[in-house]
Amino acid sequence: MCNTLDERLATKGGDSRLSKAMSLKNRIKVLVDDLGVTPYKFAQEVGIAYNTAYRLYNKPEKLPDIGVVQKICDTYQVQVDKVVYWQPDSDAA
């Protein structure tokens, strides 16, 4: 009997790590635009590499690691759902 989500997903032939990653997206572009700052200024204020900031800004499928999420939340006093969100897979019908 499968007890964990990973085991249940594995028995259906899917890679659970891939399935989970594909459903999460970042909201960095929305956050940065709402703050009225550039990705460059965002990187400076948060204390992350410029390349990281630009990659997150331009590619919502790229997920920040937990340390970056923590820095963003601390810097701008926002909840995690302002940084990342879950979106159902379009083919999960």
PDB file of N, CA and C in Angstrom:
ATOM      1  N   MET A   1       0.845  -1.193   0.000  1.00  0.00           N
ATOM      2  CA  MET A   1       0.000   0.000   0.000  1.00  0.00           C
ATOM      3  C   MET A   1       0.881   1.243   0.000  1.00  0.00           C
ATOM      4  N   CYS A   2       0.524   2.236  -0.782  1.00  0.00           N
ATOM      5  CA  CYS A   2       1.281   3.483  -0.875  1.00  0.00           C
ATOM      6  C   CYS A   2       0.822   4.433   0.225  1.00  0.00           C
ATOM      7  N   ASN A   3       1.786   4.915   1.003  1.00  0.00           N
ATOM      8  CA  ASN A   3       1.445   5.788   2.117  1.00  0.00           C
ATOM      9  C   ASN A   3       1.729   7.259   1.868  1.00  0.00           C
ATOM     10  N   THR A   4       2.711   7.551   1.055  1.00  0.00           N
ATOM     11  CA  THR A   4       3.079   8.950   0.857  1.00  0.00           C
ATOM     12  C   THR A   4       2.650   9.428  -0.527  1.00  0.00           C
ATOM     13  N   LEU A   5       2.582  10.726  -0.674  1.00  0.00           N
ATOM     14  CA  LEU A   5       2.251  11.307  -1.974  1.00  0.00           C
ATOM     15  C   LEU A   5       3.255  10.867  -3.025  1.00  0.00           C
ATOM     16  N   ASP A   6       4.539  10.861  -2.676  1.00  0.00           N
ATOM     17  CA  ASP A   6       5.568  10.445  -3.621  1.00  0.00           C
ATOM     18  C   ASP A   6       5.340   9.021  -4.096  1.00  0.00           C
ATOM     19  N   GLU A   7       4.975   8.128  -3.183  1.00  0.00           N
ATOM     20  CA  GLU A   7       4.732   6.739  -3.555  1.00  0.00           C
ATOM     21  C   GLU A   7       3.515   6.626  -4.469  1.00  0.00           C
ATOM     22  N   ARG A   8       2.456   7.369  -4.160  1.00  0.00           N
ATOM     23  CA  ARG A   8       1.246   7.324  -4.989  1.00  0.00           C
ATOM     24  C   ARG A   8       1.535   7.852  -6.392  1.00  0.00           C
ATOM     25  N   LEU A   9       2.285   8.937  -6.478  1.00  0.00           N
ATOM     26  CA  LEU A   9       2.618   9.490  -7.794  1.00  0.00           C
ATOM     27  C   LEU A   9       3.518   8.545  -8.580  1.00  0.00           C
ATOM     28  N   ALA A  10       4.458   7.923  -7.886  1.00  0.00           N
ATOM     29  CA  ALA A  10       5.380   6.999  -8.548  1.00  0.00           C
ATOM     30  C   ALA A  10       4.624   5.806  -9.129  1.00  0.00           C
ATOM     31  N   THR A  11       3.598   5.329  -8.430  1.00  0.00           N
ATOM     32  CA  THR A  11       2.851   4.179  -8.934  1.00  0.00           C
ATOM     33  C   THR A  11       2.011   4.545 -10.146  1.00  0.00           C
ATOM     34  N   LYS A  12       1.749   5.819 -10.352  1.00  0.00           N
ATOM     35  CA  LYS A  12       1.001   6.259 -11.532  1.00  0.00           C
ATOM     36  C   LYS A  12       1.938   6.560 -12.695  1.00  0.00           C
ATOM     37  N   GLY A  13       3.221   6.270 -12.525  1.00  0.00           N
ATOM     38  CA  GLY A  13       4.171   6.431 -13.610  1.00  0.00           C
ATOM     39  C   GLY A  13       4.776   7.806 -13.725  1.00  0.00           C
ATOM     40  N   GLY A  14       4.510   8.691 -12.796  1.00  0.00           N
ATOM     41  CA  GLY A  14       5.054  10.042 -12.869  1.00  0.00           C
ATOM     42  C   GLY A  14       6.190  10.242 -11.897  1.00  0.00           C
ATOM     43  N   ASP A  15       7.088  11.133 -12.224  1.00  0.00           N
ATOM     44  CA  ASP A  15       8.155  11.524 -11.315  1.00  0.00           C
ATOM     45  C   ASP A  15       7.597  12.624 -10.429  1.00  0.00           C
ATOM     46  N   SER A  16       7.434  12.344  -9.151  1.00  0.00           N
ATOM     47  CA  SER A  16       6.789  13.295  -8.251  1.00  0.00           C
ATOM     48  C   SER A  16       7.545  14.611  -8.173  1.00  0.00           C
ATOM     49  N   ARG A  17       8.879  14.573  -8.245  1.00  0.00           N
ATOM     50  CA  ARG A  17       9.649  15.812  -8.186  1.00  0.00           C
ATOM     51  C   ARG A  17       9.335  16.683  -9.389  1.00  0.00           C
ATOM     52  N   LEU A  18       9.223  16.082 -10.546  1.00  0.00           N
ATOM     53  CA  LEU A  18       8.904  16.835 -11.746  1.00  0.00           C
ATOM     54  C   LEU A  18       7.485  17.371 -11.684  1.00  0.00           C
ATOM     55  N   SER A  19       6.537  16.547 -11.260  1.00  0.00           N
ATOM     56  CA  SER A  19       5.147  16.979 -11.192  1.00  0.00           C
ATOM     57  C   SER A  19       4.988  18.167 -10.263  1.00  0.00           C
ATOM     58  N   LYS A  20       5.638  18.111  -9.114  1.00  0.00           N
ATOM     59  CA  LYS A  20       5.534  19.203  -8.156  1.00  0.00           C
ATOM     60  C   LYS A  20       6.171  20.473  -8.713  1.00  0.00           C
ATOM     61  N   ALA A  21       7.331  20.341  -9.315  1.00  0.00           N
ATOM     62  CA  ALA A  21       8.050  21.505  -9.810  1.00  0.00           C
ATOM     63  C   ALA A  21       7.284  22.191 -10.936  1.00  0.00           C
ATOM     64  N   MET A  22       6.619  21.416 -11.757  1.00  0.00           N
ATOM     65  CA  MET A  22       5.915  21.993 -12.887  1.00  0.00           C
ATOM     66  C   MET A  22       4.702  22.798 -12.446  1.00  0.00           C
ATOM     67  N   SER A  23       4.154  22.524 -11.273  1.00  0.00           N
ATOM     68  CA  SER A  23       2.961  23.218 -10.809  1.00  0.00           C
ATOM     69  C   SER A  23       3.272  24.508 -10.063  1.00  0.00           C
ATOM     70  N   LEU A  24       4.473  24.650  -9.565  1.00  0.00           N
ATOM     71  CA  LEU A  24       4.843  25.864  -8.844  1.00  0.00           C
ATOM     72  C   LEU A  24       5.418  26.889  -9.811  1.00  0.00           C
ATOM     73  N   LYS A  25       5.050  28.130  -9.590  1.00  0.00           N
ATOM     74  CA  LYS A  25       5.558  29.246 -10.397  1.00  0.00           C
ATOM     75  C   LYS A  25       5.976  30.369  -9.451  1.00  0.00           C
ATOM     76  N   ASN A  26       6.871  31.217  -9.922  1.00  0.00           N
ATOM     77  CA  ASN A  26       7.227  32.374  -9.092  1.00  0.00           C
ATOM     78  C   ASN A  26       6.433  33.594  -9.547  1.00  0.00           C
ATOM     79  N   ARG A  27       6.240  34.528  -8.618  1.00  0.00           N
ATOM     80  CA  ARG A  27       5.512  35.770  -8.879  1.00  0.00           C
ATOM     81  C   ARG A  27       6.451  36.981  -8.824  1.00  0.00           C
ATOM     82  N   ILE A  28       7.702  36.771  -9.099  1.00  0.00           N
ATOM     83  CA  ILE A  28       8.688  37.848  -8.938  1.00  0.00           C
ATOM     84  C   ILE A  28       8.371  39.036  -9.839  1.00  0.00           C
ATOM     85  N   LYS A  29       8.003  38.793 -11.086  1.00  0.00           N
ATOM     86  CA  LYS A  29       7.705  39.907 -11.997  1.00  0.00           C
ATOM     87  C   LYS A  29       6.567  40.762 -11.439  1.00  0.00           C
ATOM     88  N   VAL A  30       5.500  40.121 -10.981  1.00  0.00           N
ATOM     89  CA  VAL A  30       4.360  40.856 -10.418  1.00  0.00           C
ATOM     90  C   VAL A  30       4.796  41.642  -9.186  1.00  0.00           C
ATOM     91  N   LEU A  31       5.550  40.995  -8.299  1.00  0.00           N
ATOM     92  CA  LEU A  31       6.005  41.648  -7.069  1.00  0.00           C
ATOM     93  C   LEU A  31       6.885  42.852  -7.386  1.00  0.00           C
ATOM     94  N   VAL A  32       7.867  42.655  -8.246  1.00  0.00           N
ATOM     95  CA  VAL A  32       8.799  43.734  -8.602  1.00  0.00           C
ATOM     96  C   VAL A  32       8.054  44.890  -9.271  1.00  0.00           C
ATOM     97  N   ASP A  33       7.176  44.570 -10.200  1.00  0.00           N
ATOM     98  CA  ASP A  33       6.409  45.621 -10.886  1.00  0.00           C
ATOM     99  C   ASP A  33       5.499  46.358  -9.906  1.00  0.00           C
ATOM    100  N   ASP A  34       4.847  45.622  -8.996  1.00  0.00           N
ATOM    101  CA  ASP A  34       3.982  46.264  -7.994  1.00  0.00           C
ATOM    102  C   ASP A  34       4.780  47.176  -7.060  1.00  0.00           C
ATOM    103  N   LEU A  35       6.016  46.789  -6.762  1.00  0.00           N
ATOM    104  CA  LEU A  35       6.870  47.606  -5.896  1.00  0.00           C
ATOM    105  C   LEU A  35       7.398  48.843  -6.619  1.00  0.00           C
ATOM    106  N   GLY A  36       7.347  48.817  -7.941  1.00  0.00           N
ATOM    107  CA  GLY A  36       7.835  49.942  -8.726  1.00  0.00           C
ATOM    108  C   GLY A  36       9.350  50.037  -8.757  1.00  0.00           C
ATOM    109  N   VAL A  37      10.012  48.886  -8.658  1.00  0.00           N
ATOM    110  CA  VAL A  37      11.471  48.860  -8.723  1.00  0.00           C
ATOM    111  C   VAL A  37      11.903  48.049  -9.939  1.00  0.00           C
ATOM    112  N   THR A  38      13.135  48.223 -10.319  1.00  0.00           N
ATOM    113  CA  THR A  38      13.693  47.437 -11.421  1.00  0.00           C
ATOM    114  C   THR A  38      14.213  46.114 -10.869  1.00  0.00           C
ATOM    115  N   PRO A  39      14.397  45.122 -11.736  1.00  0.00           N
ATOM    116  CA  PRO A  39      15.019  43.881 -11.265  1.00  0.00           C
ATOM    117  C   PRO A  39      16.403  44.142 -10.639  1.00  0.00           C
ATOM    118  N   TYR A  40      17.119  45.115 -11.165  1.00  0.00           N
ATOM    119  CA  TYR A  40      18.435  45.469 -10.617  1.00  0.00           C
ATOM    120  C   TYR A  40      18.295  45.963  -9.178  1.00  0.00           C
ATOM    121  N   LYS A  41      17.367  46.878  -8.937  1.00  0.00           N
ATOM    122  CA  LYS A  41      17.135  47.411  -7.596  1.00  0.00           C
ATOM    123  C   LYS A  41      16.627  46.305  -6.661  1.00  0.00           C
ATOM    124  N   PHE A  42      15.752  45.448  -7.174  1.00  0.00           N
ATOM    125  CA  PHE A  42      15.254  44.306  -6.418  1.00  0.00           C
ATOM    126  C   PHE A  42      16.415  43.435  -5.943  1.00  0.00           C
ATOM    127  N   ALA A  43      17.344  43.124  -6.844  1.00  0.00           N
ATOM    128  CA  ALA A  43      18.503  42.303  -6.494  1.00  0.00           C
ATOM    129  C   ALA A  43      19.333  42.973  -5.403  1.00  0.00           C
ATOM    130  N   GLN A  44      19.553  44.270  -5.532  1.00  0.00           N
ATOM    131  CA  GLN A  44      20.316  45.015  -4.530  1.00  0.00           C
ATOM    132  C   GLN A  44      19.633  44.974  -3.163  1.00  0.00           C
ATOM    133  N   GLU A  45      18.342  45.273  -3.139  1.00  0.00           N
ATOM    134  CA  GLU A  45      17.616  45.343  -1.873  1.00  0.00           C
ATOM    135  C   GLU A  45      17.522  43.983  -1.178  1.00  0.00           C
ATOM    136  N   VAL A  46      17.313  42.936  -1.965  1.00  0.00           N
ATOM    137  CA  VAL A  46      17.173  41.597  -1.395  1.00  0.00           C
ATOM    138  C   VAL A  46      18.537  40.994  -1.039  1.00  0.00           C
ATOM    139  N   GLY A  47      19.555  41.397  -1.784  1.00  0.00           N
ATOM    140  CA  GLY A  47      20.893  40.856  -1.544  1.00  0.00           C
ATOM    141  C   GLY A  47      21.141  39.551  -2.279  1.00  0.00           C
ATOM    142  N   ILE A  48      20.636  39.492  -3.525  1.00  0.00           N
ATOM    143  CA  ILE A  48      20.864  38.318  -4.362  1.00  0.00           C
ATOM    144  C   ILE A  48      21.608  38.744  -5.618  1.00  0.00           C
ATOM    145  N   ALA A  49      22.143  37.765  -6.326  1.00  0.00           N
ATOM    146  CA  ALA A  49      22.875  38.044  -7.559  1.00  0.00           C
ATOM    147  C   ALA A  49      21.932  38.644  -8.606  1.00  0.00           C
ATOM    148  N   TYR A  50      22.453  39.561  -9.390  1.00  0.00           N
ATOM    149  CA  TYR A  50      21.653  40.189 -10.437  1.00  0.00           C
ATOM    150  C   TYR A  50      21.126  39.143 -11.414  1.00  0.00           C
ATOM    151  N   ASN A  51      21.981  38.188 -11.788  1.00  0.00           N
ATOM    152  CA  ASN A  51      21.550  37.128 -12.711  1.00  0.00           C
ATOM    153  C   ASN A  51      20.364  36.361 -12.155  1.00  0.00           C
ATOM    154  N   THR A  52      20.388  36.086 -10.865  1.00  0.00           N
ATOM    155  CA  THR A  52      19.276  35.385 -10.216  1.00  0.00           C
ATOM    156  C   THR A  52      18.008  36.215 -10.300  1.00  0.00           C
ATOM    157  N   ALA A  53      18.105  37.488  -9.989  1.00  0.00           N
ATOM    158  CA  ALA A  53      16.941  38.368 -10.022  1.00  0.00           C
ATOM    159  C   ALA A  53      16.356  38.451 -11.425  1.00  0.00           C
ATOM    160  N   TYR A  54      17.194  38.635 -12.421  1.00  0.00           N
ATOM    161  CA  TYR A  54      16.702  38.739 -13.788  1.00  0.00           C
ATOM    162  C   TYR A  54      16.090  37.420 -14.260  1.00  0.00           C
ATOM    163  N   ARG A  55      16.705  36.298 -13.913  1.00  0.00           N
ATOM    164  CA  ARG A  55      16.180  34.987 -14.294  1.00  0.00           C
ATOM    165  C   ARG A  55      14.796  34.772 -13.673  1.00  0.00           C
ATOM    166  N   LEU A  56      14.661  35.073 -12.393  1.00  0.00           N
ATOM    167  CA  LEU A  56      13.370  34.917 -11.723  1.00  0.00           C
ATOM    168  C   LEU A  56      12.327  35.866 -12.303  1.00  0.00           C
ATOM    169  N   TYR A  57      12.737  37.071 -12.616  1.00  0.00           N
ATOM    170  CA  TYR A  57      11.828  38.085 -13.166  1.00  0.00           C
ATOM    171  C   TYR A  57      11.290  37.662 -14.535  1.00  0.00           C
ATOM    172  N   ASN A  58      12.162  37.116 -15.361  1.00  0.00           N
ATOM    173  CA  ASN A  58      11.792  36.793 -16.742  1.00  0.00           C
ATOM    174  C   ASN A  58      11.249  35.384 -16.953  1.00  0.00           C
ATOM    175  N   LYS A  59      11.464  34.489 -15.984  1.00  0.00           N
ATOM    176  CA  LYS A  59      11.049  33.098 -16.162  1.00  0.00           C
ATOM    177  C   LYS A  59      10.277  32.601 -14.941  1.00  0.00           C
ATOM    178  N   PRO A  60       8.957  32.702 -14.968  1.00  0.00           N
ATOM    179  CA  PRO A  60       8.159  32.297 -13.807  1.00  0.00           C
ATOM    180  C   PRO A  60       8.303  30.824 -13.455  1.00  0.00           C
ATOM    181  N   GLU A  61       8.749  30.001 -14.388  1.00  0.00           N
ATOM    182  CA  GLU A  61       8.935  28.579 -14.089  1.00  0.00           C
ATOM    183  C   GLU A  61      10.184  28.319 -13.243  1.00  0.00           C
ATOM    184  N   LYS A  62      11.074  29.295 -13.151  1.00  0.00           N
ATOM    185  CA  LYS A  62      12.265  29.169 -12.308  1.00  0.00           C
ATOM    186  C   LYS A  62      11.882  29.465 -10.866  1.00  0.00           C
ATOM    187  N   LEU A  63      12.197  28.550  -9.990  1.00  0.00           N
ATOM    188  CA  LEU A  63      11.828  28.715  -8.586  1.00  0.00           C
ATOM    189  C   LEU A  63      13.019  29.159  -7.755  1.00  0.00           C
ATOM    190  N   PRO A  64      12.826  30.156  -6.909  1.00  0.00           N
ATOM    191  CA  PRO A  64      13.908  30.569  -6.006  1.00  0.00           C
ATOM    192  C   PRO A  64      14.094  29.512  -4.926  1.00  0.00           C
ATOM    193  N   ASP A  65      15.332  29.349  -4.461  1.00  0.00           N
ATOM    194  CA  ASP A  65      15.522  28.409  -3.359  1.00  0.00           C
ATOM    195  C   ASP A  65      14.973  29.034  -2.086  1.00  0.00           C
ATOM    196  N   ILE A  66      14.835  28.238  -1.053  1.00  0.00           N
ATOM    197  CA  ILE A  66      14.168  28.688   0.168  1.00  0.00           C
ATOM    198  C   ILE A  66      14.890  29.871   0.816  1.00  0.00           C
ATOM    199  N   GLY A  67      16.196  29.927   0.689  1.00  0.00           N
ATOM    200  CA  GLY A  67      16.950  31.055   1.240  1.00  0.00           C
ATOM    201  C   GLY A  67      16.600  32.368   0.551  1.00  0.00           C
ATOM    202  N   VAL A  68      16.419  32.313  -0.762  1.00  0.00           N
ATOM    203  CA  VAL A  68      16.040  33.506  -1.522  1.00  0.00           C
ATOM    204  C   VAL A  68      14.610  33.909  -1.173  1.00  0.00           C
ATOM    205  N   VAL A  69      13.722  32.942  -1.055  1.00  0.00           N
ATOM    206  CA  VAL A  69      12.339  33.244  -0.656  1.00  0.00           C
ATOM    207  C   VAL A  69      12.333  33.947   0.697  1.00  0.00           C
ATOM    208  N   GLN A  70      13.122  33.439   1.635  1.00  0.00           N
ATOM    209  CA  GLN A  70      13.197  34.043   2.974  1.00  0.00           C
ATOM    210  C   GLN A  70      13.695  35.484   2.892  1.00  0.00           C
ATOM    211  N   LYS A  71      14.727  35.732   2.082  1.00  0.00           N
ATOM    212  CA  LYS A  71      15.259  37.089   1.933  1.00  0.00           C
ATOM    213  C   LYS A  71      14.211  38.038   1.352  1.00  0.00           C
ATOM    214  N   ILE A  72      13.476  37.570   0.354  1.00  0.00           N
ATOM    215  CA  ILE A  72      12.439  38.401  -0.269  1.00  0.00           C
ATOM    216  C   ILE A  72      11.347  38.732   0.741  1.00  0.00           C
ATOM    217  N   CYS A  73      10.883  37.710   1.458  1.00  0.00           N
ATOM    218  CA  CYS A  73       9.823  37.921   2.453  1.00  0.00           C
ATOM    219  C   CYS A  73      10.276  38.872   3.560  1.00  0.00           C
ATOM    220  N   ASP A  74      11.498  38.702   4.021  1.00  0.00           N
ATOM    221  CA  ASP A  74      12.035  39.574   5.069  1.00  0.00           C
ATOM    222  C   ASP A  74      12.208  41.006   4.575  1.00  0.00           C
ATOM    223  N   THR A  75      12.748  41.159   3.379  1.00  0.00           N
ATOM    224  CA  THR A  75      13.023  42.483   2.837  1.00  0.00           C
ATOM    225  C   THR A  75      11.746  43.288   2.620  1.00  0.00           C
ATOM    226  N   TYR A  76      10.737  42.651   2.038  1.00  0.00           N
ATOM    227  CA  TYR A  76       9.516  43.375   1.663  1.00  0.00           C
ATOM    228  C   TYR A  76       8.332  43.096   2.590  1.00  0.00           C
ATOM    229  N   GLN A  77       8.579  42.325   3.647  1.00  0.00           N
ATOM    230  CA  GLN A  77       7.521  42.016   4.621  1.00  0.00           C
ATOM    231  C   GLN A  77       6.266  41.467   3.919  1.00  0.00           C
ATOM    232  N   VAL A  78       6.488  40.429   3.101  1.00  0.00           N
ATOM    233  CA  VAL A  78       5.386  39.788   2.381  1.00  0.00           C
ATOM    234  C   VAL A  78       5.329  38.311   2.741  1.00  0.00           C
ATOM    235  N   GLN A  79       4.177  37.719   2.529  1.00  0.00           N
ATOM    236  CA  GLN A  79       3.990  36.291   2.735  1.00  0.00           C
ATOM    237  C   GLN A  79       4.544  35.518   1.537  1.00  0.00           C
ATOM    238  N   VAL A  80       4.802  34.253   1.736  1.00  0.00           N
ATOM    239  CA  VAL A  80       5.369  33.396   0.694  1.00  0.00           C
ATOM    240  C   VAL A  80       4.485  33.365  -0.557  1.00  0.00           C
ATOM    241  N   ASP A  81       3.165  33.451  -0.395  1.00  0.00           N
ATOM    242  CA  ASP A  81       2.281  33.386  -1.563  1.00  0.00           C
ATOM    243  C   ASP A  81       2.426  34.599  -2.480  1.00  0.00           C
ATOM    244  N   LYS A  82       3.135  35.620  -2.057  1.00  0.00           N
ATOM    245  CA  LYS A  82       3.441  36.759  -2.926  1.00  0.00           C
ATOM    246  C   LYS A  82       4.689  36.478  -3.762  1.00  0.00           C
ATOM    247  N   VAL A  83       5.401  35.402  -3.421  1.00  0.00           N
ATOM    248  CA  VAL A  83       6.656  35.054  -4.103  1.00  0.00           C
ATOM    249  C   VAL A  83       6.470  33.846  -5.022  1.00  0.00           C
ATOM    250  N   VAL A  84       5.759  32.832  -4.555  1.00  0.00           N
ATOM    251  CA  VAL A  84       5.483  31.636  -5.356  1.00  0.00           C
ATOM    252  C   VAL A  84       4.015  31.260  -5.208  1.00  0.00           C
ATOM    253  N   TYR A  85       3.513  30.541  -6.189  1.00  0.00           N
ATOM    254  CA  TYR A  85       2.138  30.048  -6.127  1.00  0.00           C
ATOM    255  C   TYR A  85       2.037  28.711  -6.832  1.00  0.00           C
ATOM    256  N   TRP A  86       0.991  27.986  -6.511  1.00  0.00           N
ATOM    257  CA  TRP A  86       0.732  26.693  -7.137  1.00  0.00           C
ATOM    258  C   TRP A  86      -0.314  26.875  -8.224  1.00  0.00           C
ATOM    259  N   GLN A  87      -0.057  26.259  -9.368  1.00  0.00           N
ATOM    260  CA  GLN A  87      -0.995  26.296 -10.478  1.00  0.00           C
ATOM    261  C   GLN A  87      -1.221  24.858 -10.937  1.00  0.00           C
ATOM    262  N   PRO A  88      -2.470  24.423 -11.027  1.00  0.00           N
ATOM    263  CA  PRO A  88      -2.719  23.055 -11.481  1.00  0.00           C
ATOM    264  C   PRO A  88      -2.140  22.837 -12.873  1.00  0.00           C
ATOM    265  N   ASP A  89      -1.628  21.637 -13.105  1.00  0.00           N
ATOM    266  CA  ASP A  89      -1.144  21.298 -14.439  1.00  0.00           C
ATOM    267  C   ASP A  89      -2.305  21.345 -15.411  1.00  0.00           C
ATOM    268  N   SER A  90      -2.076  21.867 -16.594  1.00  0.00           N
ATOM    269  CA  SER A  90      -3.144  21.989 -17.593  1.00  0.00           C
ATOM    270  C   SER A  90      -3.617  20.640 -18.104  1.00  0.00           C
ATOM    271  N   ASP A  91      -2.749  19.613 -18.020  1.00  0.00           N
ATOM    272  CA  ASP A  91      -3.134  18.284 -18.516  1.00  0.00           C
ATOM    273  C   ASP A  91      -3.653  17.367 -17.412  1.00  0.00           C
ATOM    274  N   ALA A  92      -3.907  17.904 -16.232  1.00  0.00           N
ATOM    275  CA  ALA A  92      -4.380  17.099 -15.111  1.00  0.00           C
ATOM    276  C   ALA A  92      -5.904  17.095 -15.046  1.00  0.00           C
ATOM    277  N   ALA A  93      -6.525  16.697 -16.117  1.00  0.00           N
ATOM    278  CA  ALA A  93      -7.995  16.691 -16.136  1.00  0.00           C
ATOM    279  C   ALA A  93      -8.556  15.299 -16.021  1.00  0.00           C
TER     280      ALA A  93
END
